[in-house]
C-alpha atoms as a PDB file:
ATOM      1  CA  MET A   1    -163.293  -4.963 -49.173  1.00  0.00           C
ATOM      2  CA  THR A   2    -165.718  -3.712 -51.780  1.00  0.00           C
ATOM      3  CA  THR A   3    -166.287  -0.168 -52.931  1.00  0.00           C
ATOM      4  CA  LYS A   4    -169.266   1.555 -54.494  1.00  0.00           C
ATOM      5  CA  ALA A   5    -169.934   0.849 -58.201  1.00  0.00           C
ATOM      6  CA  GLU A   6    -167.770  -2.288 -58.465  1.00  0.00           C
ATOM      7  CA  VAL A   7    -169.213  -5.242 -60.383  1.00  0.00           C
ATOM      8  CA  TYR A   8    -168.527  -8.899 -59.602  1.00  0.00           C
ATOM      9  CA  LYS A   9    -169.377 -12.127 -61.416  1.00  0.00           C
ATOM     10  CA  CYS A  10    -169.550 -15.712 -60.169  1.00  0.00           C
ATOM     11  CA  LYS A  11    -167.239 -18.013 -62.132  1.00  0.00           C
ATOM     12  CA  VAL A  12    -169.520 -21.003 -61.477  1.00  0.00           C
ATOM     13  CA  CYS A  13    -173.125 -19.896 -62.053  1.00  0.00           C
ATOM     14  CA  GLY A  14    -172.601 -16.549 -63.816  1.00  0.00           C
ATOM     15  CA  ALA A  15    -174.489 -14.463 -61.240  1.00  0.00           C
ATOM     16  CA  ILE A  16    -173.688 -10.742 -61.529  1.00  0.00           C
ATOM     17  CA  LEU A  17    -173.563  -8.408 -58.537  1.00  0.00           C
ATOM     18  CA  ALA A  18    -173.232  -4.609 -58.581  1.00  0.00           C
ATOM     19  CA  VAL A  19    -172.071  -2.985 -55.338  1.00  0.00           C
ATOM     20  CA  ILE A  20    -174.309  -0.116 -54.241  1.00  0.00           C
ATOM     21  CA  THR A  21    -172.689   0.542 -50.866  1.00  0.00           C
ATOM     22  CA  GLY A  22    -169.163  -0.733 -50.208  1.00  0.00           C
ATOM     23  CA  GLY A  23    -168.103  -2.564 -47.088  1.00  0.00           C
ATOM     24  CA  LYS A  24    -165.717  -4.994 -45.439  1.00  0.00           C
ATOM     25  CA  GLY A  25    -165.394  -8.640 -46.376  1.00  0.00           C
ATOM     26  CA  GLU A  26    -165.317 -10.584 -49.615  1.00  0.00           C
ATOM     27  CA  LEU A  27    -168.198 -11.518 -51.888  1.00  0.00           C
ATOM     28  CA  ALA A  28    -168.826 -15.215 -52.434  1.00  0.00           C
ATOM     29  CA  CYS A  29    -171.206 -17.292 -54.534  1.00  0.00           C
ATOM     30  CA  CYS A  30    -171.300 -21.070 -55.054  1.00  0.00           C
ATOM     31  CA  ASN A  31    -168.775 -21.356 -52.182  1.00  0.00           C
ATOM     32  CA  GLN A  32    -166.135 -19.458 -54.189  1.00  0.00           C
ATOM     33  CA  LYS A  33    -164.827 -15.905 -54.162  1.00  0.00           C
ATOM     34  CA  MET A  34    -166.506 -13.763 -56.832  1.00  0.00           C
ATOM     35  CA  ALA A  35    -164.297 -12.211 -59.527  1.00  0.00           C
ATOM     36  CA  GLU A  36    -164.241  -8.449 -60.024  1.00  0.00           C
ATOM     37  CA  VAL A  37    -165.187  -7.435 -63.555  1.00  0.00           C
ATOM     38  CA  THR A  38    -163.427  -4.621 -65.443  1.00  0.00           C
ATOM     39  CA  PRO A  39    -165.461  -1.443 -66.058  1.00  0.00           C
ATOM     40  CA  ASP A  40    -165.742  -2.147 -69.817  1.00  0.00           C
ATOM     41  CA  LYS A  41    -166.911  -5.728 -69.250  1.00  0.00           C
ATOM     42  CA  ALA A  42    -169.347  -4.514 -66.558  1.00  0.00           C
ATOM     43  CA  LYS A  43    -170.925  -2.041 -68.988  1.00  0.00           C
ATOM     44  CA  ARG A  44    -171.505  -4.835 -71.514  1.00  0.00           C
ATOM     45  CA  LEU A  45    -172.947  -7.173 -68.860  1.00  0.00           C
ATOM     46  CA  ILE A  46    -175.322  -4.519 -67.502  1.00  0.00           C
ATOM     47  CA  HIS A  47    -176.353  -3.364 -70.991  1.00  0.00           C
ATOM     48  CA  ASP A  48    -177.233  -6.948 -72.010  1.00  0.00           C
ATOM     49  CA  MET A  49    -179.387  -7.599 -68.924  1.00  0.00           C
ATOM     50  CA  PRO A  50    -183.128  -7.956 -69.578  1.00  0.00           C
ATOM     51  CA  ARG A  51    -185.199  -5.045 -68.317  1.00  0.00           C
ATOM     52  CA  PRO A  52    -188.430  -5.634 -66.381  1.00  0.00           C
ATOM     53  CA  GLY A  53    -191.491  -5.146 -68.563  1.00  0.00           C
ATOM     54  CA  THR A  54    -189.701  -5.583 -71.870  1.00  0.00           C
ATOM     55  CA  PRO A  55    -190.549  -8.405 -74.260  1.00  0.00           C
END
């Protein structure tokens, strides 16, 4: 089960997912369960993401 504002990362490909609306079930990527990221790590991941329209 996921809840709003959680962040998950794929251990295989590095894809990052932020939950907007929680729900039942588990998140999976590359045929594996995604790992929940701590709030501090999530802030760093989101801060380092490229923004559309920036060089």
